[in-house]
Amino acid sequence: MLEVLVALVVVSLALLAALRAGGGLQDDAERYRESVLAQQCAQNYLVEQRLRQDFAGTGVHVQSCTQADRSFTVRADVQPTPNPNFRRVDLRVLDASGWAAWKLVAIIWNR
């Protein structure tokens, strides 16, 4: 009888460990999904800036972005560079909770 109880304890501990690992994998998958969607927002912002006829003004620009029914905020800090034909863009894409789901530094140029 004692051996059966010990075996049940061992099996239950193994099942708890498996459930915990599965929950961790699910959290990682959700964070990866958020990062991919945030990356799409950042890329959309940069493409929009490249397609514009005028150059992006310096300063902080904030705009909203929705990808796959998820809301993000794109915060772009546009800074001048020594070459007047280029701008440095520090992008941060924040999810609804304020977590920085994606960060990117890019150089855009005036054609």
C-alpha atoms as a PDB file:
ATOM      1  CA  MET A   1       0.000   0.000   0.000  1.00  0.00           C
ATOM      2  CA  LEU A   2       2.835   2.388   0.832  1.00  0.00           C
ATOM      3  CA  GLU A   3       4.461   1.738  -2.554  1.00  0.00           C
ATOM      4  CA  VAL A   4       1.230   2.717  -4.321  1.00  0.00           C
ATOM      5  CA  LEU A   5       1.038   6.002  -2.390  1.00  0.00           C
ATOM      6  CA  VAL A   6       4.674   6.822  -3.210  1.00  0.00           C
ATOM      7  CA  ALA A   7       4.031   6.005  -6.865  1.00  0.00           C
ATOM      8  CA  LEU A   8       0.974   8.310  -6.885  1.00  0.00           C
ATOM      9  CA  VAL A   9       3.011  11.133  -5.353  1.00  0.00           C
ATOM     10  CA  VAL A  10       5.752  10.683  -7.963  1.00  0.00           C
ATOM     11  CA  VAL A  11       3.234  10.624 -10.820  1.00  0.00           C
ATOM     12  CA  SER A  12       1.412  13.703  -9.510  1.00  0.00           C
ATOM     13  CA  LEU A  13       4.694  15.626  -9.210  1.00  0.00           C
ATOM     14  CA  ALA A  14       5.593  14.667 -12.775  1.00  0.00           C
ATOM     15  CA  LEU A  15       2.174  15.811 -14.010  1.00  0.00           C
ATOM     16  CA  LEU A  16       2.490  19.131 -12.167  1.00  0.00           C
ATOM     17  CA  ALA A  17       5.899  19.698 -13.710  1.00  0.00           C
ATOM     18  CA  ALA A  18       4.509  18.911 -17.165  1.00  0.00           C
ATOM     19  CA  LEU A  19       1.611  21.339 -16.673  1.00  0.00           C
ATOM     20  CA  ARG A  20       3.981  24.069 -15.552  1.00  0.00           C
ATOM     21  CA  ALA A  21       6.226  23.521 -18.577  1.00  0.00           C
ATOM     22  CA  GLY A  22       3.197  23.586 -20.879  1.00  0.00           C
ATOM     23  CA  GLY A  23       2.038  26.865 -19.377  1.00  0.00           C
ATOM     24  CA  GLY A  24       5.493  28.345 -19.900  1.00  0.00           C
ATOM     25  CA  LEU A  25       5.467  27.293 -23.548  1.00  0.00           C
ATOM     26  CA  GLN A  26       2.059  28.882 -24.018  1.00  0.00           C
ATOM     27  CA  ASP A  27       3.298  32.144 -22.481  1.00  0.00           C
ATOM     28  CA  ASP A  28       6.353  32.112 -24.748  1.00  0.00           C
ATOM     29  CA  ALA A  29       4.190  31.510 -27.817  1.00  0.00           C
ATOM     30  CA  GLU A  30       1.912  34.423 -26.892  1.00  0.00           C
ATOM     31  CA  ARG A  31       4.877  36.740 -26.346  1.00  0.00           C
ATOM     32  CA  TYR A  32       6.333  35.682 -29.701  1.00  0.00           C
ATOM     33  CA  ARG A  33       2.990  36.419 -31.389  1.00  0.00           C
ATOM     34  CA  GLU A  34       2.905  39.873 -29.782  1.00  0.00           C
ATOM     35  CA  SER A  35       6.458  40.540 -30.980  1.00  0.00           C
ATOM     36  CA  VAL A  36       5.653  39.540 -34.564  1.00  0.00           C
ATOM     37  CA  LEU A  37       2.566  41.765 -34.641  1.00  0.00           C
ATOM     38  CA  ALA A  38       4.534  44.657 -33.125  1.00  0.00           C
ATOM     39  CA  GLN A  39       7.258  44.165 -35.731  1.00  0.00           C
ATOM     40  CA  GLN A  40       4.607  44.502 -38.439  1.00  0.00           C
ATOM     41  CA  CYS A  41       3.518  47.827 -36.916  1.00  0.00           C
ATOM     42  CA  ALA A  42       7.118  49.075 -36.913  1.00  0.00           C
ATOM     43  CA  GLN A  43       7.666  48.011 -40.513  1.00  0.00           C
ATOM     44  CA  ASN A  44       4.406  49.661 -41.579  1.00  0.00           C
ATOM     45  CA  TYR A  45       5.511  52.920 -39.953  1.00  0.00           C
ATOM     46  CA  LEU A  46       8.892  52.861 -41.699  1.00  0.00           C
ATOM     47  CA  VAL A  47       7.350  52.045 -45.091  1.00  0.00           C
ATOM     48  CA  GLU A  48       4.868  54.876 -44.636  1.00  0.00           C
ATOM     49  CA  GLN A  49       7.740  57.273 -43.897  1.00  0.00           C
ATOM     50  CA  ARG A  50       9.676  56.111 -46.964  1.00  0.00           C
ATOM     51  CA  LEU A  51       6.645  56.561 -49.230  1.00  0.00           C
ATOM     52  CA  ARG A  52       5.910  60.093 -48.065  1.00  0.00           C
ATOM     53  CA  GLN A  53       6.931  62.908 -50.365  1.00  0.00           C
ATOM     54  CA  ASP A  54       8.175  65.115 -47.541  1.00  0.00           C
ATOM     55  CA  PHE A  55      10.748  64.262 -44.913  1.00  0.00           C
ATOM     56  CA  ALA A  56       9.675  63.216 -41.434  1.00  0.00           C
ATOM     57  CA  GLY A  57       9.973  66.084 -38.996  1.00  0.00           C
ATOM     58  CA  THR A  58      12.193  65.707 -35.983  1.00  0.00           C
ATOM     59  CA  GLY A  59      10.635  65.032 -32.611  1.00  0.00           C
ATOM     60  CA  VAL A  60       8.416  62.382 -31.104  1.00  0.00           C
ATOM     61  CA  HIS A  61       5.595  60.993 -33.221  1.00  0.00           C
ATOM     62  CA  VAL A  62       2.936  58.699 -31.749  1.00  0.00           C
ATOM     63  CA  GLN A  63       0.373  56.734 -33.722  1.00  0.00           C
ATOM     64  CA  SER A  64      -1.839  53.754 -33.116  1.00  0.00           C
ATOM     65  CA  CYS A  65      -1.641  50.487 -35.013  1.00  0.00           C
ATOM     66  CA  THR A  66      -3.939  47.470 -35.060  1.00  0.00           C
ATOM     67  CA  GLN A  67      -2.714  44.056 -36.130  1.00  0.00           C
ATOM     68  CA  ALA A  68      -4.854  40.896 -35.814  1.00  0.00           C
ATOM     69  CA  ASP A  69      -7.321  42.689 -33.515  1.00  0.00           C
ATOM     70  CA  ARG A  70      -4.487  43.750 -31.184  1.00  0.00           C
ATOM     71  CA  SER A  71      -3.896  47.409 -30.468  1.00  0.00           C
ATOM     72  CA  PHE A  72      -0.381  48.814 -30.369  1.00  0.00           C
ATOM     73  CA  THR A  73       1.111  52.277 -30.010  1.00  0.00           C
ATOM     74  CA  VAL A  74       4.039  53.201 -32.241  1.00  0.00           C
ATOM     75  CA  ARG A  75       6.320  55.794 -30.658  1.00  0.00           C
ATOM     76  CA  ALA A  76       8.917  57.174 -33.042  1.00  0.00           C
ATOM     77  CA  ASP A  77      11.646  59.540 -31.897  1.00  0.00           C
ATOM     78  CA  VAL A  78      12.962  61.127 -35.102  1.00  0.00           C
ATOM     79  CA  GLN A  79      16.359  62.799 -34.757  1.00  0.00           C
ATOM     80  CA  PRO A  80      18.534  64.677 -37.225  1.00  0.00           C
ATOM     81  CA  THR A  81      21.889  63.313 -38.332  1.00  0.00           C
ATOM     82  CA  PRO A  82      25.036  65.131 -39.452  1.00  0.00           C
ATOM     83  CA  ASN A  83      23.964  64.462 -43.047  1.00  0.00           C
ATOM     84  CA  PRO A  84      20.781  66.494 -43.717  1.00  0.00           C
ATOM     85  CA  ASN A  85      19.499  63.821 -46.135  1.00  0.00           C
ATOM     86  CA  PHE A  86      19.140  61.236 -43.355  1.00  0.00           C
ATOM     87  CA  ARG A  87      17.112  60.938 -40.151  1.00  0.00           C
ATOM     88  CA  ARG A  88      17.569  58.526 -37.268  1.00  0.00           C
ATOM     89  CA  VAL A  89      14.330  56.909 -36.087  1.00  0.00           C
ATOM     90  CA  ASP A  90      14.143  55.184 -32.692  1.00  0.00           C
ATOM     91  CA  LEU A  91      10.967  53.111 -32.755  1.00  0.00           C
ATOM     92  CA  ARG A  92       9.218  51.559 -29.771  1.00  0.00           C
ATOM     93  CA  VAL A  93       6.037  49.602 -30.290  1.00  0.00           C
ATOM     94  CA  LEU A  94       4.034  49.266 -27.083  1.00  0.00           C
ATOM     95  CA  ASP A  95       1.196  46.842 -26.482  1.00  0.00           C
ATOM     96  CA  ALA A  96      -1.973  47.722 -24.565  1.00  0.00           C
ATOM     97  CA  SER A  97      -0.283  47.096 -21.200  1.00  0.00           C
ATOM     98  CA  GLY A  98       2.649  49.399 -22.033  1.00  0.00           C
ATOM     99  CA  TRP A  99       5.155  46.578 -22.566  1.00  0.00           C
ATOM    100  CA  ALA A 100       7.696  47.446 -25.266  1.00  0.00           C
ATOM    101  CA  ALA A 101       6.905  44.577 -27.624  1.00  0.00           C
ATOM    102  CA  TRP A 102       9.410  45.740 -30.252  1.00  0.00           C
ATOM    103  CA  LYS A 103      12.314  48.185 -30.375  1.00  0.00           C
ATOM    104  CA  LEU A 104      14.100  49.277 -33.513  1.00  0.00           C
ATOM    105  CA  VAL A 105      16.574  51.901 -34.647  1.00  0.00           C
ATOM    106  CA  ALA A 106      16.500  52.801 -38.325  1.00  0.00           C
ATOM    107  CA  ILE A 107      17.922  55.380 -40.702  1.00  0.00           C
ATOM    108  CA  ILE A 108      15.570  56.876 -43.265  1.00  0.00           C
ATOM    109  CA  TRP A 109      16.644  59.071 -46.129  1.00  0.00           C
ATOM    110  CA  ASN A 110      15.172  61.769 -48.324  1.00  0.00           C
ATOM    111  CA  ARG A 111      15.073  60.880 -51.994  1.00  0.00           C
END
